[in-house]
Amino acid sequence: MLSYAKLQSKPRVFRCLTGITLSEFEELLLSFEQAWQDYIYTNYIAREERQRSYGGGRKAELKDIRDKLLFILFYFRQYPTQEVQGFLFGLGQAQANQWVHRLTTVLNQALGSEQQLPERNPQKLEEVLAACVELEFIIDGTDRPINRPQDSVKRKEHYSGKKKRTTVKNNVITERRGGGKVKYLSETVEGKKHDKKLAEGASHFLTKQKYLK
């Protein structure tokens, strides 16, 4: 079973599994723990309709806050099925599903506090990029595999000829230098849609020659 305690002595493996170093993990952990406490207070402690005090009932499976952060970072880095995610962390598929949704909210809040989230609004894209000192960016499309839809229409829409499987995709804009930080993340669309059309739909600013295709 994966846990922070098992991986903290294996920095290279840890980075491969999560996409960040142990030191970066520890830095993010501070904001993540605060975001988790805010989440618990808002969704459990402060709820007027609660029948019992927080902490009662069945005990949580991911007790350590470090394991919670590891769980959600691993999920977004490796993107396994929830069945596999649950197996690796000692959970059932239903439990894994609940934790993915719960911790995604917490992680987004933590990254927002750290100002690490990419811009999602295409109307603000020009403003975001113009504020950067580095003037060269890389635009690329990313495909993520998904389970094969049962519906034939959706299956056709999500089939990527490039990847030869059903996917969803986004366009990302990253800095060419300075660590390659993601500055913009487009909407998520079906795998069939071409990267160029997705970029054109975001903003005319993407077509300027000073940005790399």
N, C-alpha and C. Protein backbone atom coordinates (compact mmCIF):
# COMPACT_ATOMS: atom_id res chain seq x y z
N MET A 1 0.84 -1.19 0.00
CA MET A 1 0.00 0.00 0.00
C MET A 1 0.88 1.25 0.00
N LEU A 2 0.57 2.22 -0.85
CA LEU A 2 1.36 3.44 -0.93
C LEU A 2 1.08 4.33 0.28
N SER A 3 2.15 4.93 0.80
CA SER A 3 2.02 5.87 1.90
C SER A 3 3.25 6.78 1.88
N TYR A 4 3.10 7.94 2.49
CA TYR A 4 4.22 8.88 2.56
C TYR A 4 5.37 8.28 3.36
N ALA A 5 5.06 7.55 4.42
CA ALA A 5 6.10 6.96 5.27
C ALA A 5 6.99 6.00 4.47
N LYS A 6 6.41 5.28 3.51
CA LYS A 6 7.18 4.34 2.71
C LYS A 6 7.98 5.01 1.61
N LEU A 7 7.50 6.18 1.14
CA LEU A 7 8.12 6.81 -0.01
C LEU A 7 9.10 7.93 0.33
N GLN A 8 9.08 8.42 1.57
CA GLN A 8 9.90 9.58 1.90
C GLN A 8 11.40 9.29 1.83
N SER A 9 11.78 8.03 1.89
CA SER A 9 13.19 7.65 1.77
C SER A 9 13.56 7.30 0.33
N LYS A 10 12.64 7.46 -0.60
CA LYS A 10 12.87 7.15 -2.01
C LYS A 10 12.53 8.37 -2.86
N PRO A 11 13.36 9.41 -2.82
CA PRO A 11 13.04 10.67 -3.49
C PRO A 11 12.81 10.56 -4.99
N ARG A 12 13.56 9.71 -5.67
CA ARG A 12 13.40 9.57 -7.12
C ARG A 12 12.07 8.91 -7.46
N VAL A 13 11.72 7.88 -6.72
CA VAL A 13 10.44 7.21 -6.93
C VAL A 13 9.30 8.16 -6.59
N PHE A 14 9.47 8.90 -5.49
CA PHE A 14 8.44 9.84 -5.05
C PHE A 14 8.15 10.87 -6.14
N ARG A 15 9.19 11.40 -6.76
CA ARG A 15 8.99 12.40 -7.81
C ARG A 15 8.32 11.78 -9.03
N CYS A 16 8.69 10.56 -9.37
CA CYS A 16 8.05 9.90 -10.52
C CYS A 16 6.56 9.67 -10.27
N LEU A 17 6.20 9.38 -9.06
CA LEU A 17 4.81 9.07 -8.73
C LEU A 17 3.94 10.31 -8.59
N THR A 18 4.52 11.41 -8.12
CA THR A 18 3.73 12.61 -7.82
C THR A 18 4.03 13.80 -8.72
N GLY A 19 5.19 13.81 -9.36
CA GLY A 19 5.55 14.94 -10.22
C GLY A 19 6.25 16.07 -9.49
N ILE A 20 6.44 15.96 -8.17
CA ILE A 20 7.12 17.00 -7.41
C ILE A 20 8.15 16.36 -6.49
N THR A 21 9.09 17.17 -6.01
CA THR A 21 10.11 16.67 -5.09
C THR A 21 9.57 16.62 -3.67
N LEU A 22 10.32 15.97 -2.80
CA LEU A 22 9.91 15.89 -1.39
C LEU A 22 9.87 17.27 -0.74
N SER A 23 10.83 18.13 -1.09
CA SER A 23 10.84 19.48 -0.52
C SER A 23 9.65 20.30 -1.02
N GLU A 24 9.30 20.14 -2.29
CA GLU A 24 8.13 20.83 -2.84
C GLU A 24 6.84 20.30 -2.19
N PHE A 25 6.83 19.00 -1.93
CA PHE A 25 5.69 18.39 -1.25
C PHE A 25 5.50 19.00 0.13
N GLU A 26 6.59 19.15 0.88
CA GLU A 26 6.51 19.70 2.23
C GLU A 26 6.03 21.15 2.21
N GLU A 27 6.45 21.91 1.20
CA GLU A 27 6.00 23.30 1.08
C GLU A 27 4.50 23.36 0.79
N LEU A 28 4.04 22.52 -0.13
CA LEU A 28 2.63 22.49 -0.48
C LEU A 28 1.79 21.96 0.68
N LEU A 29 2.36 21.10 1.48
CA LEU A 29 1.63 20.47 2.58
C LEU A 29 1.06 21.51 3.56
N LEU A 30 1.77 22.61 3.77
CA LEU A 30 1.32 23.63 4.71
C LEU A 30 -0.03 24.23 4.25
N SER A 31 -0.09 24.60 2.98
CA SER A 31 -1.33 25.17 2.44
C SER A 31 -2.41 24.11 2.33
N PHE A 32 -2.01 22.88 1.99
CA PHE A 32 -2.98 21.79 1.85
C PHE A 32 -3.63 21.46 3.18
N GLU A 33 -2.85 21.45 4.26
CA GLU A 33 -3.40 21.15 5.58
C GLU A 33 -4.38 22.24 6.02
N GLN A 34 -4.06 23.50 5.73
CA GLN A 34 -4.97 24.58 6.07
C GLN A 34 -6.25 24.47 5.26
N ALA A 35 -6.11 24.14 3.97
CA ALA A 35 -7.28 23.98 3.11
C ALA A 35 -8.15 22.81 3.58
N TRP A 36 -7.51 21.75 4.08
CA TRP A 36 -8.25 20.60 4.60
C TRP A 36 -9.03 20.98 5.85
N GLN A 37 -8.42 21.74 6.74
CA GLN A 37 -9.11 22.18 7.95
C GLN A 37 -10.30 23.08 7.60
N ASP A 38 -10.13 23.95 6.60
CA ASP A 38 -11.23 24.81 6.15
C ASP A 38 -12.36 23.96 5.57
N TYR A 39 -11.98 22.94 4.80
CA TYR A 39 -12.98 22.06 4.19
C TYR A 39 -13.78 21.32 5.27
N ILE A 40 -13.09 20.79 6.27
CA ILE A 40 -13.75 20.06 7.36
C ILE A 40 -14.69 20.98 8.12
N TYR A 41 -14.25 22.19 8.41
CA TYR A 41 -15.09 23.11 9.17
C TYR A 41 -16.36 23.48 8.39
N THR A 42 -16.18 23.80 7.10
CA THR A 42 -17.32 24.23 6.28
C THR A 42 -18.31 23.11 6.03
N ASN A 43 -17.80 21.91 5.73
CA ASN A 43 -18.66 20.82 5.30
C ASN A 43 -19.11 19.88 6.41
N TYR A 44 -18.49 19.98 7.58
CA TYR A 44 -18.85 19.06 8.66
C TYR A 44 -19.13 19.78 9.99
N ILE A 45 -18.15 20.46 10.52
CA ILE A 45 -18.29 21.07 11.84
C ILE A 45 -19.37 22.14 11.87
N ALA A 46 -19.39 23.03 10.86
CA ALA A 46 -20.31 24.17 10.88
C ALA A 46 -21.70 23.85 10.34
N ARG A 47 -21.93 22.65 9.87
CA ARG A 47 -23.24 22.29 9.32
C ARG A 47 -24.28 22.19 10.42
N GLU A 48 -25.35 22.96 10.28
CA GLU A 48 -26.38 23.01 11.32
C GLU A 48 -27.17 21.72 11.42
N GLU A 49 -27.26 20.97 10.30
CA GLU A 49 -28.11 19.77 10.31
C GLU A 49 -27.36 18.53 10.78
N ARG A 50 -26.13 18.66 11.27
CA ARG A 50 -25.38 17.50 11.72
C ARG A 50 -26.08 16.82 12.89
N GLN A 51 -26.09 15.49 12.86
CA GLN A 51 -26.73 14.70 13.91
C GLN A 51 -25.76 14.34 15.03
N ARG A 52 -24.46 14.41 14.75
CA ARG A 52 -23.46 14.09 15.76
C ARG A 52 -22.23 14.93 15.52
N SER A 53 -21.39 15.04 16.52
CA SER A 53 -20.20 15.88 16.42
C SER A 53 -19.20 15.27 15.44
N TYR A 54 -18.38 16.13 14.87
CA TYR A 54 -17.38 15.67 13.90
C TYR A 54 -16.39 14.73 14.59
N GLY A 55 -16.07 13.63 13.92
CA GLY A 55 -15.15 12.65 14.47
C GLY A 55 -15.83 11.37 14.90
N GLY A 56 -17.16 11.41 14.99
CA GLY A 56 -17.91 10.22 15.33
C GLY A 56 -18.11 9.33 14.13
N GLY A 57 -18.59 8.12 14.36
CA GLY A 57 -18.87 7.22 13.24
C GLY A 57 -17.62 6.53 12.73
N ARG A 58 -17.69 6.07 11.49
CA ARG A 58 -16.60 5.30 10.89
C ARG A 58 -15.35 6.16 10.75
N LYS A 59 -14.21 5.58 11.06
CA LYS A 59 -12.95 6.31 10.97
C LYS A 59 -12.49 6.44 9.52
N ALA A 60 -11.87 7.56 9.22
CA ALA A 60 -11.40 7.81 7.85
C ALA A 60 -10.26 6.87 7.50
N GLU A 61 -10.19 6.48 6.23
CA GLU A 61 -9.15 5.56 5.78
C GLU A 61 -7.79 6.27 5.65
N LEU A 62 -7.77 7.46 5.08
CA LEU A 62 -6.53 8.22 4.93
C LEU A 62 -6.39 9.16 6.12
N LYS A 63 -5.79 8.67 7.19
CA LYS A 63 -5.74 9.44 8.42
C LYS A 63 -4.69 10.54 8.39
N ASP A 64 -3.52 10.23 7.85
CA ASP A 64 -2.41 11.19 7.84
C ASP A 64 -2.62 12.21 6.74
N ILE A 65 -2.46 13.49 7.04
CA ILE A 65 -2.65 14.54 6.05
C ILE A 65 -1.65 14.39 4.90
N ARG A 66 -0.48 13.85 5.19
CA ARG A 66 0.52 13.63 4.13
C ARG A 66 0.05 12.56 3.15
N ASP A 67 -0.64 11.55 3.67
CA ASP A 67 -1.16 10.51 2.79
C ASP A 67 -2.32 11.04 1.95
N LYS A 68 -3.07 11.97 2.50
CA LYS A 68 -4.14 12.60 1.72
C LYS A 68 -3.56 13.35 0.53
N LEU A 69 -2.51 14.14 0.78
CA LEU A 69 -1.89 14.90 -0.31
C LEU A 69 -1.23 13.97 -1.31
N LEU A 70 -0.56 12.94 -0.82
CA LEU A 70 0.05 11.94 -1.71
C LEU A 70 -1.01 11.29 -2.59
N PHE A 71 -2.13 10.94 -2.01
CA PHE A 71 -3.23 10.28 -2.72
C PHE A 71 -3.67 11.10 -3.93
N ILE A 72 -3.94 12.39 -3.71
CA ILE A 72 -4.51 13.19 -4.79
C ILE A 72 -3.45 13.60 -5.81
N LEU A 73 -2.20 13.80 -5.37
CA LEU A 73 -1.13 14.11 -6.31
C LEU A 73 -0.85 12.90 -7.21
N PHE A 74 -0.83 11.72 -6.61
CA PHE A 74 -0.62 10.50 -7.38
C PHE A 74 -1.73 10.31 -8.41
N TYR A 75 -2.96 10.60 -8.00
CA TYR A 75 -4.09 10.41 -8.91
C TYR A 75 -3.95 11.30 -10.14
N PHE A 76 -3.64 12.58 -9.95
CA PHE A 76 -3.56 13.48 -11.09
C PHE A 76 -2.27 13.29 -11.90
N ARG A 77 -1.25 12.77 -11.27
CA ARG A 77 0.00 12.50 -12.00
C ARG A 77 -0.12 11.24 -12.86
N GLN A 78 -0.66 10.17 -12.29
CA GLN A 78 -0.70 8.88 -12.97
C GLN A 78 -2.04 8.62 -13.66
N TYR A 79 -3.10 9.25 -13.16
CA TYR A 79 -4.46 9.11 -13.71
C TYR A 79 -4.87 7.65 -13.89
N PRO A 80 -4.81 6.85 -12.80
CA PRO A 80 -5.27 5.46 -12.88
C PRO A 80 -6.79 5.40 -12.78
N THR A 81 -7.36 4.25 -13.03
CA THR A 81 -8.78 4.08 -12.76
C THR A 81 -8.97 4.13 -11.25
N GLN A 82 -10.17 4.44 -10.82
CA GLN A 82 -10.42 4.52 -9.38
C GLN A 82 -10.28 3.17 -8.70
N GLU A 83 -10.52 2.11 -9.44
CA GLU A 83 -10.33 0.76 -8.91
C GLU A 83 -8.86 0.55 -8.55
N VAL A 84 -7.97 0.95 -9.47
CA VAL A 84 -6.54 0.81 -9.23
C VAL A 84 -6.08 1.77 -8.14
N GLN A 85 -6.57 3.02 -8.18
CA GLN A 85 -6.23 3.99 -7.16
C GLN A 85 -6.58 3.47 -5.76
N GLY A 86 -7.77 2.93 -5.64
CA GLY A 86 -8.19 2.39 -4.35
C GLY A 86 -7.33 1.22 -3.90
N PHE A 87 -7.01 0.33 -4.83
CA PHE A 87 -6.19 -0.84 -4.49
C PHE A 87 -4.83 -0.42 -3.96
N LEU A 88 -4.21 0.58 -4.60
CA LEU A 88 -2.87 1.01 -4.21
C LEU A 88 -2.85 1.72 -2.86
N PHE A 89 -4.00 2.28 -2.46
CA PHE A 89 -4.06 2.98 -1.18
C PHE A 89 -4.92 2.25 -0.14
N GLY A 90 -5.25 1.00 -0.41
CA GLY A 90 -5.98 0.21 0.56
C GLY A 90 -7.45 0.58 0.70
N LEU A 91 -8.06 1.03 -0.41
CA LEU A 91 -9.45 1.45 -0.39
C LEU A 91 -10.25 0.69 -1.43
N GLY A 92 -11.57 0.70 -1.27
CA GLY A 92 -12.44 0.19 -2.30
C GLY A 92 -12.66 1.26 -3.37
N GLN A 93 -13.27 0.88 -4.49
CA GLN A 93 -13.49 1.84 -5.58
C GLN A 93 -14.40 2.98 -5.14
N ALA A 94 -15.44 2.66 -4.40
CA ALA A 94 -16.38 3.69 -3.95
C ALA A 94 -15.69 4.68 -3.01
N GLN A 95 -14.85 4.18 -2.13
CA GLN A 95 -14.11 5.05 -1.21
C GLN A 95 -13.12 5.91 -1.97
N ALA A 96 -12.45 5.31 -2.95
CA ALA A 96 -11.49 6.07 -3.76
C ALA A 96 -12.19 7.21 -4.49
N ASN A 97 -13.39 6.92 -5.01
CA ASN A 97 -14.16 7.94 -5.70
C ASN A 97 -14.48 9.12 -4.78
N GLN A 98 -14.90 8.82 -3.56
CA GLN A 98 -15.22 9.87 -2.60
C GLN A 98 -13.99 10.72 -2.26
N TRP A 99 -12.86 10.05 -2.06
CA TRP A 99 -11.65 10.79 -1.70
C TRP A 99 -11.14 11.63 -2.87
N VAL A 100 -11.26 11.13 -4.09
CA VAL A 100 -10.83 11.91 -5.26
C VAL A 100 -11.60 13.22 -5.34
N HIS A 101 -12.92 13.16 -5.21
CA HIS A 101 -13.74 14.36 -5.29
C HIS A 101 -13.48 15.30 -4.11
N ARG A 102 -13.36 14.73 -2.94
CA ARG A 102 -13.14 15.52 -1.73
C ARG A 102 -11.79 16.23 -1.77
N LEU A 103 -10.73 15.50 -2.10
CA LEU A 103 -9.38 16.06 -2.06
C LEU A 103 -9.06 16.92 -3.26
N THR A 104 -9.79 16.75 -4.36
CA THR A 104 -9.61 17.64 -5.50
C THR A 104 -9.98 19.07 -5.11
N THR A 105 -11.07 19.22 -4.38
CA THR A 105 -11.50 20.53 -3.89
C THR A 105 -10.45 21.13 -2.97
N VAL A 106 -9.92 20.32 -2.07
CA VAL A 106 -8.91 20.79 -1.12
C VAL A 106 -7.62 21.18 -1.83
N LEU A 107 -7.19 20.35 -2.79
CA LEU A 107 -5.96 20.65 -3.51
C LEU A 107 -6.09 21.93 -4.32
N ASN A 108 -7.23 22.13 -4.97
CA ASN A 108 -7.44 23.37 -5.72
C ASN A 108 -7.36 24.59 -4.83
N GLN A 109 -7.92 24.49 -3.64
CA GLN A 109 -7.86 25.62 -2.71
C GLN A 109 -6.42 25.87 -2.27
N ALA A 110 -5.68 24.79 -2.00
CA ALA A 110 -4.29 24.94 -1.57
C ALA A 110 -3.43 25.55 -2.67
N LEU A 111 -3.62 25.09 -3.90
CA LEU A 111 -2.85 25.63 -5.02
C LEU A 111 -3.24 27.07 -5.31
N GLY A 112 -4.51 27.39 -5.09
CA GLY A 112 -4.95 28.77 -5.25
C GLY A 112 -4.28 29.68 -4.25
N SER A 113 -4.14 29.21 -3.01
CA SER A 113 -3.46 30.00 -1.98
C SER A 113 -2.00 30.21 -2.33
N GLU A 114 -1.39 29.21 -2.98
CA GLU A 114 0.01 29.31 -3.38
C GLU A 114 0.18 30.03 -4.72
N GLN A 115 -0.96 30.43 -5.32
CA GLN A 115 -0.95 31.08 -6.63
C GLN A 115 -0.25 30.21 -7.68
N GLN A 116 -0.57 28.91 -7.65
CA GLN A 116 0.03 27.96 -8.58
C GLN A 116 -0.96 27.45 -9.62
N LEU A 117 -2.21 27.91 -9.56
CA LEU A 117 -3.19 27.44 -10.53
C LEU A 117 -3.07 28.21 -11.84
N PRO A 118 -3.13 27.53 -12.97
CA PRO A 118 -3.11 28.24 -14.26
C PRO A 118 -4.42 28.97 -14.50
N GLU A 119 -4.38 30.00 -15.34
CA GLU A 119 -5.59 30.72 -15.72
C GLU A 119 -6.48 29.82 -16.55
N ARG A 120 -7.80 29.86 -16.31
CA ARG A 120 -8.75 29.06 -17.07
C ARG A 120 -9.66 29.89 -17.95
N ASN A 121 -9.73 31.20 -17.71
CA ASN A 121 -10.61 32.07 -18.46
C ASN A 121 -9.88 32.62 -19.69
N PRO A 122 -10.29 32.24 -20.91
CA PRO A 122 -9.59 32.73 -22.11
C PRO A 122 -9.63 34.24 -22.27
N GLN A 123 -10.63 34.90 -21.66
CA GLN A 123 -10.73 36.35 -21.76
C GLN A 123 -9.58 37.04 -21.01
N LYS A 124 -8.98 36.33 -20.05
CA LYS A 124 -7.90 36.92 -19.26
C LYS A 124 -6.52 36.45 -19.72
N LEU A 125 -6.49 35.63 -20.77
CA LEU A 125 -5.24 35.02 -21.20
C LEU A 125 -4.21 36.06 -21.62
N GLU A 126 -4.61 37.02 -22.42
CA GLU A 126 -3.67 38.05 -22.88
C GLU A 126 -3.10 38.82 -21.69
N GLU A 127 -3.94 39.11 -20.74
CA GLU A 127 -3.49 39.85 -19.55
C GLU A 127 -2.47 39.04 -18.76
N VAL A 128 -2.71 37.74 -18.62
CA VAL A 128 -1.81 36.87 -17.85
C VAL A 128 -0.45 36.76 -18.52
N LEU A 129 -0.45 36.52 -19.83
CA LEU A 129 0.81 36.35 -20.53
C LEU A 129 1.59 37.65 -20.66
N ALA A 130 0.89 38.75 -20.83
CA ALA A 130 1.55 40.04 -20.96
C ALA A 130 2.26 40.45 -19.67
N ALA A 131 1.80 39.92 -18.55
CA ALA A 131 2.41 40.27 -17.26
C ALA A 131 3.68 39.49 -16.99
N CYS A 132 4.00 38.53 -17.84
CA CYS A 132 5.17 37.69 -17.63
C CYS A 132 6.41 38.34 -18.22
N VAL A 133 7.51 38.19 -17.50
CA VAL A 133 8.77 38.72 -18.01
C VAL A 133 9.24 37.91 -19.21
N GLU A 134 9.13 36.61 -19.12
CA GLU A 134 9.51 35.72 -20.22
C GLU A 134 8.49 35.84 -21.35
N LEU A 135 8.97 36.11 -22.58
CA LEU A 135 8.08 36.38 -23.70
C LEU A 135 7.85 35.18 -24.60
N GLU A 136 8.51 34.06 -24.32
CA GLU A 136 8.34 32.90 -25.17
C GLU A 136 7.63 31.79 -24.39
N PHE A 137 6.63 31.22 -25.05
CA PHE A 137 5.82 30.19 -24.41
C PHE A 137 5.69 29.00 -25.37
N ILE A 138 5.36 27.88 -24.80
CA ILE A 138 5.11 26.67 -25.60
C ILE A 138 3.63 26.31 -25.47
N ILE A 139 2.97 26.15 -26.60
CA ILE A 139 1.57 25.75 -26.64
C ILE A 139 1.51 24.29 -27.08
N ASP A 140 0.81 23.47 -26.34
CA ASP A 140 0.72 22.06 -26.71
C ASP A 140 -0.59 21.48 -26.23
N GLY A 141 -1.02 20.43 -26.89
CA GLY A 141 -2.23 19.73 -26.49
C GLY A 141 -1.88 18.51 -25.67
N THR A 142 -2.68 18.20 -24.69
CA THR A 142 -2.46 17.01 -23.86
C THR A 142 -3.69 16.12 -23.91
N ASP A 143 -3.48 14.85 -24.16
CA ASP A 143 -4.57 13.88 -24.20
C ASP A 143 -4.50 12.98 -22.97
N ARG A 144 -5.66 12.75 -22.34
CA ARG A 144 -5.74 11.84 -21.20
C ARG A 144 -6.71 10.72 -21.53
N PRO A 145 -6.29 9.48 -21.40
CA PRO A 145 -7.20 8.37 -21.71
C PRO A 145 -8.36 8.29 -20.72
N ILE A 146 -9.51 7.90 -21.22
CA ILE A 146 -10.69 7.71 -20.37
C ILE A 146 -11.27 6.33 -20.67
N ASN A 147 -12.14 5.88 -19.79
CA ASN A 147 -12.83 4.62 -20.06
C ASN A 147 -13.68 4.75 -21.31
N ARG A 148 -13.76 3.70 -22.08
CA ARG A 148 -14.49 3.71 -23.35
C ARG A 148 -15.98 3.92 -23.09
N PRO A 149 -16.56 5.03 -23.59
CA PRO A 149 -17.99 5.30 -23.36
C PRO A 149 -18.86 4.21 -23.97
N GLN A 150 -19.96 3.89 -23.30
CA GLN A 150 -20.89 2.90 -23.81
C GLN A 150 -21.71 3.44 -24.97
N ASP A 151 -22.01 4.73 -24.92
CA ASP A 151 -22.78 5.37 -25.98
C ASP A 151 -21.91 5.51 -27.23
N SER A 152 -22.43 5.08 -28.37
CA SER A 152 -21.64 5.08 -29.61
C SER A 152 -21.30 6.48 -30.08
N VAL A 153 -22.22 7.44 -29.88
CA VAL A 153 -21.95 8.83 -30.30
C VAL A 153 -20.83 9.42 -29.47
N LYS A 154 -20.90 9.27 -28.15
CA LYS A 154 -19.84 9.78 -27.27
C LYS A 154 -18.52 9.07 -27.55
N ARG A 155 -18.59 7.78 -27.85
CA ARG A 155 -17.39 7.03 -28.14
C ARG A 155 -16.69 7.58 -29.37
N LYS A 156 -17.46 7.94 -30.39
CA LYS A 156 -16.90 8.50 -31.61
C LYS A 156 -16.31 9.89 -31.36
N GLU A 157 -17.01 10.70 -30.57
CA GLU A 157 -16.54 12.04 -30.28
C GLU A 157 -15.23 12.03 -29.49
N HIS A 158 -15.08 11.08 -28.60
CA HIS A 158 -13.90 11.06 -27.74
C HIS A 158 -12.75 10.22 -28.30
N TYR A 159 -12.96 9.62 -29.49
CA TYR A 159 -11.90 8.80 -30.06
C TYR A 159 -10.83 9.69 -30.70
N SER A 160 -9.61 9.57 -30.23
CA SER A 160 -8.48 10.32 -30.78
C SER A 160 -7.74 9.46 -31.79
N GLY A 161 -7.75 9.90 -33.05
CA GLY A 161 -7.03 9.16 -34.07
C GLY A 161 -5.53 9.16 -33.82
N LYS A 162 -5.06 10.21 -33.19
CA LYS A 162 -3.63 10.32 -32.88
C LYS A 162 -3.22 9.31 -31.82
N LYS A 163 -4.05 9.16 -30.79
CA LYS A 163 -3.72 8.26 -29.69
C LYS A 163 -4.31 6.86 -29.87
N LYS A 164 -5.22 6.72 -30.85
CA LYS A 164 -5.85 5.43 -31.13
C LYS A 164 -6.63 4.89 -29.94
N ARG A 165 -7.28 5.81 -29.20
CA ARG A 165 -8.13 5.41 -28.09
C ARG A 165 -9.02 6.58 -27.69
N THR A 166 -9.97 6.35 -26.80
CA THR A 166 -10.85 7.43 -26.36
C THR A 166 -10.14 8.27 -25.31
N THR A 167 -10.22 9.60 -25.50
CA THR A 167 -9.51 10.52 -24.61
C THR A 167 -10.30 11.80 -24.41
N VAL A 168 -9.85 12.61 -23.45
CA VAL A 168 -10.24 14.02 -23.33
C VAL A 168 -8.95 14.81 -23.43
N LYS A 169 -9.06 16.08 -23.82
CA LYS A 169 -7.84 16.85 -24.02
C LYS A 169 -7.99 18.29 -23.56
N ASN A 170 -6.84 18.90 -23.32
CA ASN A 170 -6.73 20.32 -23.00
C ASN A 170 -5.55 20.88 -23.77
N ASN A 171 -5.57 22.18 -23.99
CA ASN A 171 -4.38 22.88 -24.44
C ASN A 171 -3.74 23.55 -23.24
N VAL A 172 -2.43 23.50 -23.18
CA VAL A 172 -1.71 24.16 -22.10
C VAL A 172 -0.69 25.12 -22.68
N ILE A 173 -0.46 26.22 -21.99
CA ILE A 173 0.60 27.16 -22.35
C ILE A 173 1.57 27.19 -21.18
N THR A 174 2.82 26.86 -21.46
CA THR A 174 3.85 26.85 -20.43
C THR A 174 4.97 27.79 -20.79
N GLU A 175 5.68 28.25 -19.78
CA GLU A 175 6.86 29.08 -20.02
C GLU A 175 7.92 28.24 -20.69
N ARG A 176 8.61 28.84 -21.64
CA ARG A 176 9.68 28.09 -22.30
C ARG A 176 10.86 27.92 -21.37
N ARG A 177 11.09 28.92 -20.54
CA ARG A 177 12.16 28.85 -19.55
C ARG A 177 11.56 29.05 -18.18
N GLY A 178 12.40 29.12 -17.17
CA GLY A 178 11.94 29.39 -15.81
C GLY A 178 11.17 28.25 -15.18
N GLY A 179 11.52 27.01 -15.55
CA GLY A 179 10.88 25.85 -14.93
C GLY A 179 9.69 25.31 -15.67
N GLY A 180 9.26 26.00 -16.75
CA GLY A 180 8.15 25.49 -17.54
C GLY A 180 6.82 25.51 -16.84
N LYS A 181 6.58 26.53 -16.03
CA LYS A 181 5.33 26.63 -15.28
C LYS A 181 4.14 26.80 -16.22
N VAL A 182 3.05 26.10 -15.92
CA VAL A 182 1.83 26.20 -16.72
C VAL A 182 1.15 27.53 -16.42
N LYS A 183 0.93 28.35 -17.47
CA LYS A 183 0.30 29.65 -17.30
C LYS A 183 -1.18 29.63 -17.68
N TYR A 184 -1.56 28.70 -18.53
CA TYR A 184 -2.96 28.65 -18.98
C TYR A 184 -3.37 27.22 -19.26
N LEU A 185 -4.58 26.86 -18.86
CA LEU A 185 -5.14 25.55 -19.14
C LEU A 185 -6.52 25.75 -19.74
N SER A 186 -6.72 25.23 -20.93
CA SER A 186 -7.98 25.42 -21.64
C SER A 186 -9.08 24.56 -21.04
N GLU A 187 -10.27 24.72 -21.58
CA GLU A 187 -11.38 23.85 -21.20
C GLU A 187 -11.07 22.42 -21.61
N THR A 188 -11.71 21.46 -20.96
CA THR A 188 -11.55 20.05 -21.31
C THR A 188 -12.56 19.69 -22.39
N VAL A 189 -12.06 19.12 -23.49
CA VAL A 189 -12.92 18.78 -24.62
C VAL A 189 -12.70 17.33 -25.02
N GLU A 190 -13.53 16.85 -25.94
CA GLU A 190 -13.43 15.48 -26.42
C GLU A 190 -12.15 15.30 -27.24
N GLY A 191 -11.61 14.07 -27.20
CA GLY A 191 -10.34 13.78 -27.84
C GLY A 191 -10.32 13.98 -29.35
N LYS A 192 -11.47 13.97 -29.98
CA LYS A 192 -11.53 14.12 -31.44
C LYS A 192 -11.17 15.53 -31.89
N LYS A 193 -11.37 16.52 -31.02
CA LYS A 193 -11.15 17.92 -31.41
C LYS A 193 -9.68 18.20 -31.62
N HIS A 194 -9.36 18.90 -32.71
CA HIS A 194 -7.98 19.17 -33.05
C HIS A 194 -7.40 20.26 -32.13
N ASP A 195 -6.10 20.11 -31.83
CA ASP A 195 -5.42 21.07 -30.94
C ASP A 195 -5.53 22.50 -31.48
N LYS A 196 -5.41 22.66 -32.80
CA LYS A 196 -5.41 24.00 -33.39
C LYS A 196 -6.77 24.68 -33.21
N LYS A 197 -7.83 23.92 -33.41
CA LYS A 197 -9.17 24.49 -33.24
C LYS A 197 -9.42 24.86 -31.79
N LEU A 198 -8.91 24.06 -30.88
CA LEU A 198 -9.06 24.36 -29.46
C LEU A 198 -8.30 25.62 -29.10
N ALA A 199 -7.11 25.80 -29.70
CA ALA A 199 -6.31 27.00 -29.44
C ALA A 199 -6.97 28.24 -30.02
N GLU A 200 -7.51 28.11 -31.23
CA GLU A 200 -8.16 29.25 -31.87
C GLU A 200 -9.40 29.67 -31.10
N GLY A 201 -10.07 28.70 -30.48
CA GLY A 201 -11.26 29.03 -29.72
C GLY A 201 -10.96 29.73 -28.42
N ALA A 202 -9.73 29.60 -27.93
CA ALA A 202 -9.36 30.22 -26.66
C ALA A 202 -9.16 31.72 -26.82
N SER A 203 -8.34 32.12 -27.80
CA SER A 203 -8.07 33.55 -27.95
C SER A 203 -7.26 33.78 -29.21
N HIS A 204 -7.51 34.91 -29.87
CA HIS A 204 -6.70 35.28 -31.03
C HIS A 204 -5.27 35.55 -30.62
N PHE A 205 -5.05 35.76 -29.31
CA PHE A 205 -3.72 36.07 -28.82
C PHE A 205 -2.76 34.90 -29.02
N LEU A 206 -3.32 33.70 -29.11
CA LEU A 206 -2.49 32.51 -29.26
C LEU A 206 -1.83 32.43 -30.62
N THR A 207 -2.33 33.14 -31.60
CA THR A 207 -1.83 33.02 -32.95
C THR A 207 -0.67 33.95 -33.24
N LYS A 208 -0.30 34.81 -32.32
CA LYS A 208 0.82 35.73 -32.55
C LYS A 208 2.12 34.95 -32.70
N GLN A 209 2.99 35.42 -33.54
CA GLN A 209 4.17 34.65 -33.89
C GLN A 209 5.19 34.52 -32.76
N LYS A 210 5.12 35.37 -31.76
CA LYS A 210 6.12 35.28 -30.70
C LYS A 210 5.88 34.09 -29.78
N TYR A 211 4.75 33.36 -29.97
CA TYR A 211 4.51 32.16 -29.21
C TYR A 211 4.78 30.95 -30.09
N LEU A 212 5.33 29.92 -29.52
CA LEU A 212 5.75 28.75 -30.28
C LEU A 212 4.58 27.79 -30.48
N LYS A 213 4.53 27.18 -31.62
CA LYS A 213 3.48 26.20 -31.92
C LYS A 213 4.06 24.81 -31.81
